[in-house]
Structure formats: structure tokens, C-alpha cells
PDB file of N, CA and C in Angstrom:
ATOM      1  N   MET A   1       0.820  -1.185   0.000  1.00  0.00           N
ATOM      2  CA  MET A   1       0.000   0.000   0.000  1.00  0.00           C
ATOM      3  C   MET A   1       0.872   1.261   0.000  1.00  0.00           C
ATOM      4  N   ARG A   2       1.945   1.232   0.767  1.00  0.00           N
ATOM      5  CA  ARG A   2       2.825   2.389   0.853  1.00  0.00           C
ATOM      6  C   ARG A   2       3.483   2.669  -0.498  1.00  0.00           C
ATOM      7  N   ARG A   3       3.909   1.617  -1.218  1.00  0.00           N
ATOM      8  CA  ARG A   3       4.520   1.785  -2.532  1.00  0.00           C
ATOM      9  C   ARG A   3       3.524   2.370  -3.526  1.00  0.00           C
ATOM     10  N   LEU A   4       2.281   1.934  -3.424  1.00  0.00           N
ATOM     11  CA  LEU A   4       1.235   2.443  -4.316  1.00  0.00           C
ATOM     12  C   LEU A   4       1.019   3.940  -4.078  1.00  0.00           C
ATOM     13  N   THR A   5       1.029   4.348  -2.826  1.00  0.00           N
ATOM     14  CA  THR A   5       0.845   5.761  -2.488  1.00  0.00           C
ATOM     15  C   THR A   5       2.025   6.586  -3.017  1.00  0.00           C
ATOM     16  N   LEU A   6       3.241   6.086  -2.840  1.00  0.00           N
ATOM     17  CA  LEU A   6       4.422   6.789  -3.346  1.00  0.00           C
ATOM     18  C   LEU A   6       4.409   6.867  -4.865  1.00  0.00           C
ATOM     19  N   ALA A   7       4.003   5.793  -5.519  1.00  0.00           N
ATOM     20  CA  ALA A   7       3.936   5.781  -6.978  1.00  0.00           C
ATOM     21  C   ALA A   7       2.896   6.789  -7.475  1.00  0.00           C
ATOM     22  N   ALA A   8       1.758   6.845  -6.825  1.00  0.00           N
ATOM     23  CA  ALA A   8       0.707   7.795  -7.212  1.00  0.00           C
ATOM     24  C   ALA A   8       1.193   9.233  -7.019  1.00  0.00           C
ATOM     25  N   ALA A   9       1.886   9.489  -5.930  1.00  0.00           N
ATOM     26  CA  ALA A   9       2.417  10.832  -5.676  1.00  0.00           C
ATOM     27  C   ALA A   9       3.443  11.212  -6.739  1.00  0.00           C
ATOM     28  N   ALA A  10       4.291  10.269  -7.126  1.00  0.00           N
ATOM     29  CA  ALA A  10       5.291  10.532  -8.167  1.00  0.00           C
ATOM     30  C   ALA A  10       4.635  10.844  -9.504  1.00  0.00           C
ATOM     31  N   VAL A  11       3.582  10.119  -9.854  1.00  0.00           N
ATOM     32  CA  VAL A  11       2.861  10.366 -11.103  1.00  0.00           C
ATOM     33  C   VAL A  11       2.231  11.758 -11.080  1.00  0.00           C
ATOM     34  N   LEU A  12       1.588  12.117  -9.972  1.00  0.00           N
ATOM     35  CA  LEU A  12       0.960  13.434  -9.869  1.00  0.00           C
ATOM     36  C   LEU A  12       1.994  14.552  -9.965  1.00  0.00           C
ATOM     37  N   LEU A  13       3.131  14.388  -9.337  1.00  0.00           N
ATOM     38  CA  LEU A  13       4.192  15.378  -9.395  1.00  0.00           C
ATOM     39  C   LEU A  13       4.713  15.529 -10.821  1.00  0.00           C
ATOM     40  N   THR A  14       4.889  14.409 -11.513  1.00  0.00           N
ATOM     41  CA  THR A  14       5.359  14.437 -12.898  1.00  0.00           C
ATOM     42  C   THR A  14       4.352  15.149 -13.788  1.00  0.00           C
ATOM     43  N   VAL A  15       3.081  14.858 -13.622  1.00  0.00           N
ATOM     44  CA  VAL A  15       2.034  15.506 -14.422  1.00  0.00           C
ATOM     45  C   VAL A  15       2.031  17.008 -14.148  1.00  0.00           C
ATOM     46  N   GLN A  16       2.185  17.406 -12.885  1.00  0.00           N
ATOM     47  CA  GLN A  16       2.182  18.823 -12.533  1.00  0.00           C
ATOM     48  C   GLN A  16       3.384  19.534 -13.150  1.00  0.00           C
ATOM     49  N   VAL A  17       4.571  18.938 -13.123  1.00  0.00           N
ATOM     50  CA  VAL A  17       5.771  19.533 -13.702  1.00  0.00           C
ATOM     51  C   VAL A  17       5.614  19.665 -15.212  1.00  0.00           C
ATOM     52  N   VAL A  18       5.114  18.642 -15.875  1.00  0.00           N
ATOM     53  CA  VAL A  18       4.909  18.689 -17.323  1.00  0.00           C
ATOM     54  C   VAL A  18       3.895  19.771 -17.673  1.00  0.00           C
ATOM     55  N   ALA A  19       2.811  19.862 -16.916  1.00  0.00           N
ATOM     56  CA  ALA A  19       1.776  20.865 -17.190  1.00  0.00           C
ATOM     57  C   ALA A  19       2.322  22.265 -17.007  1.00  0.00           C
ATOM     58  N   SER A  20       3.094  22.515 -15.950  1.00  0.00           N
ATOM     59  CA  SER A  20       3.628  23.851 -15.732  1.00  0.00           C
ATOM     60  C   SER A  20       4.681  24.197 -16.771  1.00  0.00           C
ATOM     61  N   THR A  21       5.459  23.229 -17.229  1.00  0.00           N
ATOM     62  CA  THR A  21       6.439  23.471 -18.279  1.00  0.00           C
ATOM     63  C   THR A  21       5.739  23.814 -19.584  1.00  0.00           C
ATOM     64  N   SER A  22       4.681  23.108 -19.913  1.00  0.00           N
ATOM     65  CA  SER A  22       3.932  23.395 -21.134  1.00  0.00           C
ATOM     66  C   SER A  22       3.331  24.781 -21.080  1.00  0.00           C
ATOM     67  N   PHE A  23       2.790  25.183 -19.936  1.00  0.00           N
ATOM     68  CA  PHE A  23       2.210  26.509 -19.800  1.00  0.00           C
ATOM     69  C   PHE A  23       3.273  27.573 -19.979  1.00  0.00           C
ATOM     70  N   ALA A  24       4.462  27.371 -19.406  1.00  0.00           N
ATOM     71  CA  ALA A  24       5.544  28.341 -19.537  1.00  0.00           C
ATOM     72  C   ALA A  24       5.970  28.474 -20.986  1.00  0.00           C
ATOM     73  N   ASP A  25       6.016  27.354 -21.717  1.00  0.00           N
ATOM     74  CA  ASP A  25       6.387  27.410 -23.125  1.00  0.00           C
ATOM     75  C   ASP A  25       5.365  28.204 -23.919  1.00  0.00           C
ATOM     76  N   GLN A  26       4.076  28.057 -23.608  1.00  0.00           N
ATOM     77  CA  GLN A  26       3.030  28.779 -24.319  1.00  0.00           C
ATOM     78  C   GLN A  26       3.103  30.270 -24.038  1.00  0.00           C
ATOM     79  N   ALA A  27       3.576  30.659 -22.875  1.00  0.00           N
ATOM     80  CA  ALA A  27       3.616  32.064 -22.483  1.00  0.00           C
ATOM     81  C   ALA A  27       4.799  32.820 -23.089  1.00  0.00           C
ATOM     82  N   GLN A  28       5.744  32.116 -23.710  1.00  0.00           N
ATOM     83  CA  GLN A  28       6.902  32.777 -24.314  1.00  0.00           C
ATOM     84  C   GLN A  28       6.444  33.710 -25.432  1.00  0.00           C
ATOM     85  N   GLN A  29       6.955  34.921 -25.432  1.00  0.00           N
ATOM     86  CA  GLN A  29       6.662  35.902 -26.474  1.00  0.00           C
ATOM     87  C   GLN A  29       7.970  36.474 -26.980  1.00  0.00           C
ATOM     88  N   THR A  30       7.976  36.902 -28.235  1.00  0.00           N
ATOM     89  CA  THR A  30       9.133  37.588 -28.797  1.00  0.00           C
ATOM     90  C   THR A  30       8.683  38.986 -29.176  1.00  0.00           C
ATOM     91  N   LEU A  31       9.356  39.985 -28.597  1.00  0.00           N
ATOM     92  CA  LEU A  31       8.999  41.382 -28.804  1.00  0.00           C
ATOM     93  C   LEU A  31      10.197  42.153 -29.341  1.00  0.00           C
ATOM     94  N   ALA A  32       9.959  43.004 -30.328  1.00  0.00           N
ATOM     95  CA  ALA A  32      11.021  43.848 -30.882  1.00  0.00           C
ATOM     96  C   ALA A  32      10.742  45.288 -30.490  1.00  0.00           C
ATOM     97  N   GLY A  33      11.788  45.981 -30.069  1.00  0.00           N
ATOM     98  CA  GLY A  33      11.638  47.379 -29.674  1.00  0.00           C
ATOM     99  C   GLY A  33      12.969  47.948 -29.252  1.00  0.00           C
ATOM    100  N   ASN A  34      12.915  48.980 -28.447  1.00  0.00           N
ATOM    101  CA  ASN A  34      14.123  49.650 -27.956  1.00  0.00           C
ATOM    102  C   ASN A  34      14.220  49.517 -26.449  1.00  0.00           C
ATOM    103  N   ILE A  35      15.390  49.127 -25.965  1.00  0.00           N
ATOM    104  CA  ILE A  35      15.622  49.101 -24.522  1.00  0.00           C
ATOM    105  C   ILE A  35      16.164  50.468 -24.117  1.00  0.00           C
ATOM    106  N   VAL A  36      15.527  51.025 -23.083  1.00  0.00           N
ATOM    107  CA  VAL A  36      15.949  52.298 -22.512  1.00  0.00           C
ATOM    108  C   VAL A  36      15.982  52.151 -20.997  1.00  0.00           C
ATOM    109  N   CYS A  37      16.492  53.162 -20.330  1.00  0.00           N
ATOM    110  CA  CYS A  37      16.532  53.165 -18.866  1.00  0.00           C
ATOM    111  C   CYS A  37      15.338  53.950 -18.331  1.00  0.00           C
ATOM    112  N   ALA A  38      14.589  53.351 -17.424  1.00  0.00           N
ATOM    113  CA  ALA A  38      13.418  54.014 -16.830  1.00  0.00           C
ATOM    114  C   ALA A  38      13.844  55.245 -16.034  1.00  0.00           C
ATOM    115  N   LYS A  39      14.969  55.168 -15.349  1.00  0.00           N
ATOM    116  CA  LYS A  39      15.422  56.278 -14.510  1.00  0.00           C
ATOM    117  C   LYS A  39      16.067  57.385 -15.347  1.00  0.00           C
ATOM    118  N   CYS A  40      17.011  57.018 -16.213  1.00  0.00           N
ATOM    119  CA  CYS A  40      17.807  58.021 -16.922  1.00  0.00           C
ATOM    120  C   CYS A  40      17.136  58.551 -18.180  1.00  0.00           C
ATOM    121  N   THR A  41      16.473  57.701 -18.955  1.00  0.00           N
ATOM    122  CA  THR A  41      15.870  58.122 -20.218  1.00  0.00           C
ATOM    123  C   THR A  41      14.398  58.511 -20.044  1.00  0.00           C
ATOM    124  N   LEU A  42      13.623  57.665 -19.364  1.00  0.00           N
ATOM    125  CA  LEU A  42      12.198  57.942 -19.188  1.00  0.00           C
ATOM    126  C   LEU A  42      11.922  58.886 -18.022  1.00  0.00           C
ATOM    127  N   LYS A  43      12.926  59.092 -17.171  1.00  0.00           N
ATOM    128  CA  LYS A  43      12.817  60.009 -16.024  1.00  0.00           C
ATOM    129  C   LYS A  43      11.651  59.643 -15.088  1.00  0.00           C
ATOM    130  N   VAL A  44      11.486  58.328 -14.832  1.00  0.00           N
ATOM    131  CA  VAL A  44      10.446  57.861 -13.910  1.00  0.00           C
ATOM    132  C   VAL A  44      10.820  58.293 -12.493  1.00  0.00           C
ATOM    133  N   GLN A  45       9.912  58.991 -11.843  1.00  0.00           N
ATOM    134  CA  GLN A  45      10.155  59.501 -10.497  1.00  0.00           C
ATOM    135  C   GLN A  45      10.217  58.368  -9.474  1.00  0.00           C
ATOM    136  N   GLY A  46      11.055  58.526  -8.472  1.00  0.00           N
ATOM    137  CA  GLY A  46      11.122  57.591  -7.360  1.00  0.00           C
ATOM    138  C   GLY A  46      12.087  56.433  -7.548  1.00  0.00           C
ATOM    139  N   LEU A  47      12.687  56.279  -8.738  1.00  0.00           N
ATOM    140  CA  LEU A  47      13.651  55.185  -8.938  1.00  0.00           C
ATOM    141  C   LEU A  47      15.009  55.609  -8.402  1.00  0.00           C
ATOM    142  N   LYS A  48      15.641  54.713  -7.649  1.00  0.00           N
ATOM    143  CA  LYS A  48      16.942  55.013  -7.072  1.00  0.00           C
ATOM    144  C   LYS A  48      18.084  54.402  -7.888  1.00  0.00           C
ATOM    145  N   GLU A  49      17.737  53.455  -8.781  1.00  0.00           N
ATOM    146  CA  GLU A  49      18.757  52.824  -9.612  1.00  0.00           C
ATOM    147  C   GLU A  49      18.211  52.605 -11.016  1.00  0.00           C
ATOM    148  N   CYS A  50      19.113  52.359 -11.944  1.00  0.00           N
ATOM    149  CA  CYS A  50      18.724  52.144 -13.337  1.00  0.00           C
ATOM    150  C   CYS A  50      17.857  50.898 -13.468  1.00  0.00           C
ATOM    151  N   GLN A  51      16.932  50.935 -14.428  1.00  0.00           N
ATOM    152  CA  GLN A  51      16.015  49.827 -14.677  1.00  0.00           C
ATOM    153  C   GLN A  51      15.745  49.762 -16.173  1.00  0.00           C
ATOM    154  N   ASN A  52      16.107  48.638 -16.811  1.00  0.00           N
ATOM    155  CA  ASN A  52      15.858  48.472 -18.237  1.00  0.00           C
ATOM    156  C   ASN A  52      14.374  48.309 -18.520  1.00  0.00           C
ATOM    157  N   VAL A  53      13.904  49.007 -19.570  1.00  0.00           N
ATOM    158  CA  VAL A  53      12.517  48.933 -20.018  1.00  0.00           C
ATOM    159  C   VAL A  53      12.533  48.771 -21.534  1.00  0.00           C
ATOM    160  N   LEU A  54      11.748  47.827 -22.025  1.00  0.00           N
ATOM    161  CA  LEU A  54      11.606  47.632 -23.466  1.00  0.00           C
ATOM    162  C   LEU A  54      10.395  48.434 -23.933  1.00  0.00           C
ATOM    163  N   LEU A  55      10.604  49.306 -24.930  1.00  0.00           N
ATOM    164  CA  LEU A  55       9.525  50.087 -25.524  1.00  0.00           C
ATOM    165  C   LEU A  55       9.148  49.452 -26.847  1.00  0.00           C
ATOM    166  N   VAL A  56       7.876  49.049 -26.978  1.00  0.00           N
ATOM    167  CA  VAL A  56       7.383  48.392 -28.184  1.00  0.00           C
ATOM    168  C   VAL A  56       6.247  49.248 -28.740  1.00  0.00           C
ATOM    169  N   LYS A  57       6.318  49.590 -30.019  1.00  0.00           N
ATOM    170  CA  LYS A  57       5.260  50.382 -30.656  1.00  0.00           C
ATOM    171  C   LYS A  57       4.007  49.533 -30.824  1.00  0.00           C
ATOM    172  N   ASN A  58       2.847  50.066 -30.418  1.00  0.00           N
ATOM    173  CA  ASN A  58       1.581  49.370 -30.619  1.00  0.00           C
ATOM    174  C   ASN A  58       0.950  49.828 -31.933  1.00  0.00           C
ATOM    175  N   GLU A  59      -0.253  49.345 -32.235  1.00  0.00           N
ATOM    176  CA  GLU A  59      -0.923  49.662 -33.504  1.00  0.00           C
ATOM    177  C   GLU A  59      -1.168  51.161 -33.666  1.00  0.00           C
ATOM    178  N   ALA A  60      -1.351  51.873 -32.561  1.00  0.00           N
ATOM    179  CA  ALA A  60      -1.612  53.313 -32.600  1.00  0.00           C
ATOM    180  C   ALA A  60      -0.321  54.128 -32.709  1.00  0.00           C
ATOM    181  N   GLY A  61       0.822  53.430 -32.754  1.00  0.00           N
ATOM    182  CA  GLY A  61       2.105  54.126 -32.849  1.00  0.00           C
ATOM    183  C   GLY A  61       2.645  54.619 -31.527  1.00  0.00           C
ATOM    184  N   GLN A  62       1.986  54.228 -30.426  1.00  0.00           N
ATOM    185  CA  GLN A  62       2.446  54.631 -29.101  1.00  0.00           C
ATOM    186  C   GLN A  62       3.288  53.518 -28.492  1.00  0.00           C
ATOM    187  N   ASP A  63       4.183  53.907 -27.579  1.00  0.00           N
ATOM    188  CA  ASP A  63       5.056  52.933 -26.924  1.00  0.00           C
ATOM    189  C   ASP A  63       4.334  52.217 -25.795  1.00  0.00           C
ATOM    190  N   THR A  64       4.449  50.889 -25.787  1.00  0.00           N
ATOM    191  CA  THR A  64       4.021  50.070 -24.662  1.00  0.00           C
ATOM    192  C   THR A  64       5.282  49.704 -23.894  1.00  0.00           C
ATOM    193  N   GLN A  65       5.266  49.908 -22.581  1.00  0.00           N
ATOM    194  CA  GLN A  65       6.438  49.640 -21.754  1.00  0.00           C
ATOM    195  C   GLN A  65       6.400  48.224 -21.192  1.00  0.00           C
ATOM    196  N   TYR A  66       7.534  47.540 -21.303  1.00  0.00           N
ATOM    197  CA  TYR A  66       7.743  46.233 -20.689  1.00  0.00           C
ATOM    198  C   TYR A  66       8.968  46.356 -19.794  1.00  0.00           C
ATOM    199  N   TRP A  67       8.757  46.366 -18.504  1.00  0.00           N
ATOM    200  CA  TRP A  67       9.850  46.475 -17.546  1.00  0.00           C
ATOM    201  C   TRP A  67      10.557  45.128 -17.484  1.00  0.00           C
ATOM    202  N   LEU A  68      11.872  45.117 -17.676  1.00  0.00           N
ATOM    203  CA  LEU A  68      12.610  43.860 -17.685  1.00  0.00           C
ATOM    204  C   LEU A  68      12.958  43.430 -16.262  1.00  0.00           C
ATOM    205  N   ALA A  69      12.510  42.229 -15.913  1.00  0.00           N
ATOM    206  CA  ALA A  69      12.818  41.667 -14.599  1.00  0.00           C
ATOM    207  C   ALA A  69      14.320  41.472 -14.482  1.00  0.00           C
ATOM    208  N   LYS A  70      14.822  41.679 -13.302  1.00  0.00           N
ATOM    209  CA  LYS A  70      16.264  41.534 -13.074  1.00  0.00           C
ATOM    210  C   LYS A  70      16.587  40.060 -12.909  1.00  0.00           C
ATOM    211  N   ASN A  71      17.111  39.468 -13.990  1.00  0.00           N
ATOM    212  CA  ASN A  71      17.549  38.079 -13.970  1.00  0.00           C
ATOM    213  C   ASN A  71      18.911  38.003 -14.658  1.00  0.00           C
ATOM    214  N   ASP A  72      19.467  36.817 -14.806  1.00  0.00           N
ATOM    215  CA  ASP A  72      20.798  36.669 -15.393  1.00  0.00           C
ATOM    216  C   ASP A  72      20.864  37.151 -16.839  1.00  0.00           C
ATOM    217  N   VAL A  73      19.794  36.952 -17.609  1.00  0.00           N
ATOM    218  CA  VAL A  73      19.783  37.373 -19.011  1.00  0.00           C
ATOM    219  C   VAL A  73      19.846  38.899 -19.091  1.00  0.00           C
ATOM    220  N   ASN A  74      19.012  39.571 -18.320  1.00  0.00           N
ATOM    221  CA  ASN A  74      19.002  41.033 -18.305  1.00  0.00           C
ATOM    222  C   ASN A  74      20.324  41.572 -17.762  1.00  0.00           C
ATOM    223  N   LYS A  75      20.837  40.929 -16.728  1.00  0.00           N
ATOM    224  CA  LYS A  75      22.098  41.368 -16.123  1.00  0.00           C
ATOM    225  C   LYS A  75      23.253  41.248 -17.118  1.00  0.00           C
ATOM    226  N   SER A  76      23.305  40.152 -17.878  1.00  0.00           N
ATOM    227  CA  SER A  76      24.404  39.979 -18.838  1.00  0.00           C
ATOM    228  C   SER A  76      24.278  40.943 -20.020  1.00  0.00           C
ATOM    229  N   PHE A  77      23.045  41.410 -20.325  1.00  0.00           N
ATOM    230  CA  PHE A  77      22.865  42.420 -21.369  1.00  0.00           C
ATOM    231  C   PHE A  77      23.435  43.752 -20.903  1.00  0.00           C
ATOM    232  N   GLY A  78      23.263  44.063 -19.624  1.00  0.00           N
ATOM    233  CA  GLY A  78      23.795  45.296 -19.057  1.00  0.00           C
ATOM    234  C   GLY A  78      22.761  46.406 -19.036  1.00  0.00           C
ATOM    235  N   GLU A  79      23.091  47.466 -18.300  1.00  0.00           N
ATOM    236  CA  GLU A  79      22.214  48.630 -18.220  1.00  0.00           C
ATOM    237  C   GLU A  79      22.480  49.532 -19.420  1.00  0.00           C
ATOM    238  N   VAL A  80      21.444  50.212 -19.864  1.00  0.00           N
ATOM    239  CA  VAL A  80      21.587  51.072 -21.036  1.00  0.00           C
ATOM    240  C   VAL A  80      21.748  52.538 -20.662  1.00  0.00           C
ATOM    241  N   CYS A  81      21.401  52.912 -19.460  1.00  0.00           N
ATOM    242  CA  CYS A  81      21.467  54.289 -18.961  1.00  0.00           C
ATOM    243  C   CYS A  81      20.879  55.278 -19.958  1.00  0.00           C
ATOM    244  N   GLU A  82      21.673  56.114 -20.569  1.00  0.00           N
ATOM    245  CA  GLU A  82      21.128  57.175 -21.422  1.00  0.00           C
ATOM    246  C   GLU A  82      21.172  56.827 -22.908  1.00  0.00           C
ATOM    247  N   THR A  83      21.356  55.555 -23.253  1.00  0.00           N
ATOM    248  CA  THR A  83      21.359  55.148 -24.650  1.00  0.00           C
ATOM    249  C   THR A  83      20.051  54.437 -24.988  1.00  0.00           C
ATOM    250  N   VAL A  84      19.832  54.242 -26.262  1.00  0.00           N
ATOM    251  CA  VAL A  84      18.673  53.496 -26.755  1.00  0.00           C
ATOM    252  C   VAL A  84      19.218  52.357 -27.596  1.00  0.00           C
ATOM    253  N   LYS A  85      18.847  51.122 -27.266  1.00  0.00           N
ATOM    254  CA  LYS A  85      19.353  49.966 -28.000  1.00  0.00           C
ATOM    255  C   LYS A  85      18.204  49.187 -28.622  1.00  0.00           C
ATOM    256  N   PRO A  86      18.157  49.095 -29.970  1.00  0.00           N
ATOM    257  CA  PRO A  86      17.130  48.288 -30.624  1.00  0.00           C
ATOM    258  C   PRO A  86      17.428  46.796 -30.452  1.00  0.00           C
ATOM    259  N   VAL A  87      16.453  46.058 -29.930  1.00  0.00           N
ATOM    260  CA  VAL A  87      16.660  44.647 -29.608  1.00  0.00           C
ATOM    261  C   VAL A  87      15.420  43.823 -29.920  1.00  0.00           C
ATOM    262  N   VAL A  88      15.617  42.505 -29.878  1.00  0.00           N
ATOM    263  CA  VAL A  88      14.534  41.536 -29.904  1.00  0.00           C
ATOM    264  C   VAL A  88      14.654  40.742 -28.608  1.00  0.00           C
ATOM    265  N   VAL A  89      13.564  40.708 -27.839  1.00  0.00           N
ATOM    266  CA  VAL A  89      13.577  40.042 -26.538  1.00  0.00           C
ATOM    267  C   VAL A  89      12.555  38.914 -26.545  1.00  0.00           C
ATOM    268  N   THR A  90      12.979  37.742 -26.094  1.00  0.00           N
ATOM    269  CA  THR A  90      12.087  36.604 -25.923  1.00  0.00           C
ATOM    270  C   THR A  90      11.949  36.356 -24.429  1.00  0.00           C
ATOM    271  N   GLY A  91      10.713  36.133 -23.980  1.00  0.00           N
ATOM    272  CA  GLY A  91      10.485  35.871 -22.571  1.00  0.00           C
ATOM    273  C   GLY A  91       9.010  35.784 -22.259  1.00  0.00           C
ATOM    274  N   THR A  92       8.700  35.827 -20.976  1.00  0.00           N
ATOM    275  CA  THR A  92       7.315  35.739 -20.526  1.00  0.00           C
ATOM    276  C   THR A  92       6.889  37.087 -19.945  1.00  0.00           C
ATOM    277  N   VAL A  93       5.634  37.431 -20.179  1.00  0.00           N
ATOM    278  CA  VAL A  93       5.096  38.712 -19.724  1.00  0.00           C
ATOM    279  C   VAL A  93       4.031  38.465 -18.672  1.00  0.00           C
ATOM    280  N   GLU A  94       4.060  39.273 -17.623  1.00  0.00           N
ATOM    281  CA  GLU A  94       3.012  39.236 -16.615  1.00  0.00           C
ATOM    282  C   GLU A  94       2.747  40.645 -16.106  1.00  0.00           C
ATOM    283  N   GLN A  95       1.542  40.860 -15.627  1.00  0.00           N
ATOM    284  CA  GLN A  95       1.138  42.144 -15.060  1.00  0.00           C
ATOM    285  C   GLN A  95       1.409  42.127 -13.561  1.00  0.00           C
ATOM    286  N   LYS A  96       2.196  43.109 -13.084  1.00  0.00           N
ATOM    287  CA  LYS A  96       2.445  43.276 -11.652  1.00  0.00           C
ATOM    288  C   LYS A  96       2.565  44.762 -11.381  1.00  0.00           C
ATOM    289  N   GLU A  97       2.015  45.206 -10.278  1.00  0.00           N
ATOM    290  CA  GLU A  97       2.151  46.585  -9.845  1.00  0.00           C
ATOM    291  C   GLU A  97       1.703  47.570 -10.929  1.00  0.00           C
ATOM    292  N   GLY A  98       0.724  47.178 -11.754  1.00  0.00           N
ATOM    293  CA  GLY A  98       0.226  48.042 -12.809  1.00  0.00           C
ATOM    294  C   GLY A  98       1.159  48.189 -13.999  1.00  0.00           C
ATOM    295  N   LYS A  99       2.161  47.321 -14.097  1.00  0.00           N
ATOM    296  CA  LYS A  99       3.136  47.385 -15.187  1.00  0.00           C
ATOM    297  C   LYS A  99       3.228  46.033 -15.873  1.00  0.00           C
ATOM    298  N   ASN A 100       3.668  46.047 -17.132  1.00  0.00           N
ATOM    299  CA  ASN A 100       4.006  44.820 -17.850  1.00  0.00           C
ATOM    300  C   ASN A 100       5.439  44.457 -17.481  1.00  0.00           C
ATOM    301  N   TRP A 101       5.637  43.302 -16.874  1.00  0.00           N
ATOM    302  CA  TRP A 101       6.979  42.827 -16.523  1.00  0.00           C
ATOM    303  C   TRP A 101       7.364  41.706 -17.480  1.00  0.00           C
ATOM    304  N   LEU A 102       8.522  41.829 -18.080  1.00  0.00           N
ATOM    305  CA  LEU A 102       9.037  40.862 -19.045  1.00  0.00           C
ATOM    306  C   LEU A 102      10.240  40.160 -18.439  1.00  0.00           C
ATOM    307  N   THR A 103      10.117  38.849 -18.256  1.00  0.00           N
ATOM    308  CA  THR A 103      11.244  38.043 -17.783  1.00  0.00           C
ATOM    309  C   THR A 103      11.902  37.450 -19.017  1.00  0.00           C
ATOM    310  N   ALA A 104      13.053  38.004 -19.373  1.00  0.00           N
ATOM    311  CA  ALA A 104      13.728  37.644 -20.618  1.00  0.00           C
ATOM    312  C   ALA A 104      14.444  36.304 -20.509  1.00  0.00           C
ATOM    313  N   THR A 105      14.313  35.507 -21.567  1.00  0.00           N
ATOM    314  CA  THR A 105      15.103  34.290 -21.696  1.00  0.00           C
ATOM    315  C   THR A 105      16.177  34.480 -22.773  1.00  0.00           C
ATOM    316  N   LYS A 106      15.992  35.546 -23.601  1.00  0.00           N
ATOM    317  CA  LYS A 106      16.989  35.862 -24.621  1.00  0.00           C
ATOM    318  C   LYS A 106      16.825  37.324 -25.030  1.00  0.00           C
ATOM    319  N   ILE A 107      17.957  38.028 -25.137  1.00  0.00           N
ATOM    320  CA  ILE A 107      17.982  39.397 -25.654  1.00  0.00           C
ATOM    321  C   ILE A 107      19.059  39.460 -26.699  1.00  0.00           C
ATOM    322  N   GLU A 108      18.683  39.888 -27.914  1.00  0.00           N
ATOM    323  CA  GLU A 108      19.670  40.016 -28.997  1.00  0.00           C
ATOM    324  C   GLU A 108      19.434  41.310 -29.759  1.00  0.00           C
ATOM    325  N   PRO A 109      20.494  41.868 -30.347  1.00  0.00           N
ATOM    326  CA  PRO A 109      20.336  43.100 -31.132  1.00  0.00           C
ATOM    327  C   PRO A 109      19.422  42.846 -32.329  1.00  0.00           C
ATOM    328  N   GLN A 110      18.654  43.867 -32.718  1.00  0.00           N
ATOM    329  CA  GLN A 110      17.840  43.747 -33.923  1.00  0.00           C
ATOM    330  C   GLN A 110      18.763  43.701 -35.124  1.00  0.00           C
ATOM    331  N   LYS A 111      18.411  42.876 -36.097  1.00  0.00           N
ATOM    332  CA  LYS A 111      19.223  42.769 -37.316  1.00  0.00           C
ATOM    333  C   LYS A 111      19.140  44.090 -38.068  1.00  0.00           C
ATOM    334  N   GLY A 112      20.269  44.523 -38.584  1.00  0.00           N
ATOM    335  CA  GLY A 112      20.334  45.779 -39.320  1.00  0.00           C
ATOM    336  C   GLY A 112      20.558  46.964 -38.423  1.00  0.00           C
ATOM    337  N   SER A 113      20.782  46.715 -37.116  1.00  0.00           N
ATOM    338  CA  SER A 113      21.007  47.821 -36.191  1.00  0.00           C
ATOM    339  C   SER A 113      22.462  47.949 -35.838  1.00  0.00           C
TER     340      SER A 113
END
């Protein structure tokens, strides 16, 4: 009976891991735009340190902001401070604190830039 319970728990755990991995894969998005600094370029009040933000033009021609979560991918790209860098970013987007947060899995320069 104990082995059966352990086996059932292992199956449920495996199903849960597979389901969450599939959901994460579906949530991946690729966005092209310009990375700027929220503090130095956008002059967002109250920021004490630089924060990378991806600006993506929407259908109306206005910029949609995607704040880049601080992870190893963003850290290895570096801060942009007062420059503008055209890039393509792949990652997952979620709404937090009234902002679009993008957790990047890949950041590369736009071709032709």
C-alpha cells in the first residue's frame, strides 16, 4: 500500500511539472523594440537605480512599456542608462504593480542595427 501511495504521488508530481512546463512554453513571447533606462531616459520619479525597459510600438504608434525583470539574461545584457538599443527580446510577460513585466530568456540586437 505504501509503494502504491508513493507511486501515485510521483505520477501526480510528474504531471504537474509537465503541465507547468507546457504553460511556460506557451507564455513565451518575442517582442522587438528599444531598450531604454526608466530612470535616466524615461525620467520615472522615485527610482533610485537604473532599470531596463523595453519600448514596443503598438498599432496606434504609441510605446508600450515592458519592464525587464532583473535576472541573469538582463544582467548579462547590461544597463543602457542614457542610450537606446534596438533589440529583440524573448520571454514571458506578466502584469504586476500596474506594469508589464518581461522576464527575458533571450535578448539580442535587432538585425540591421
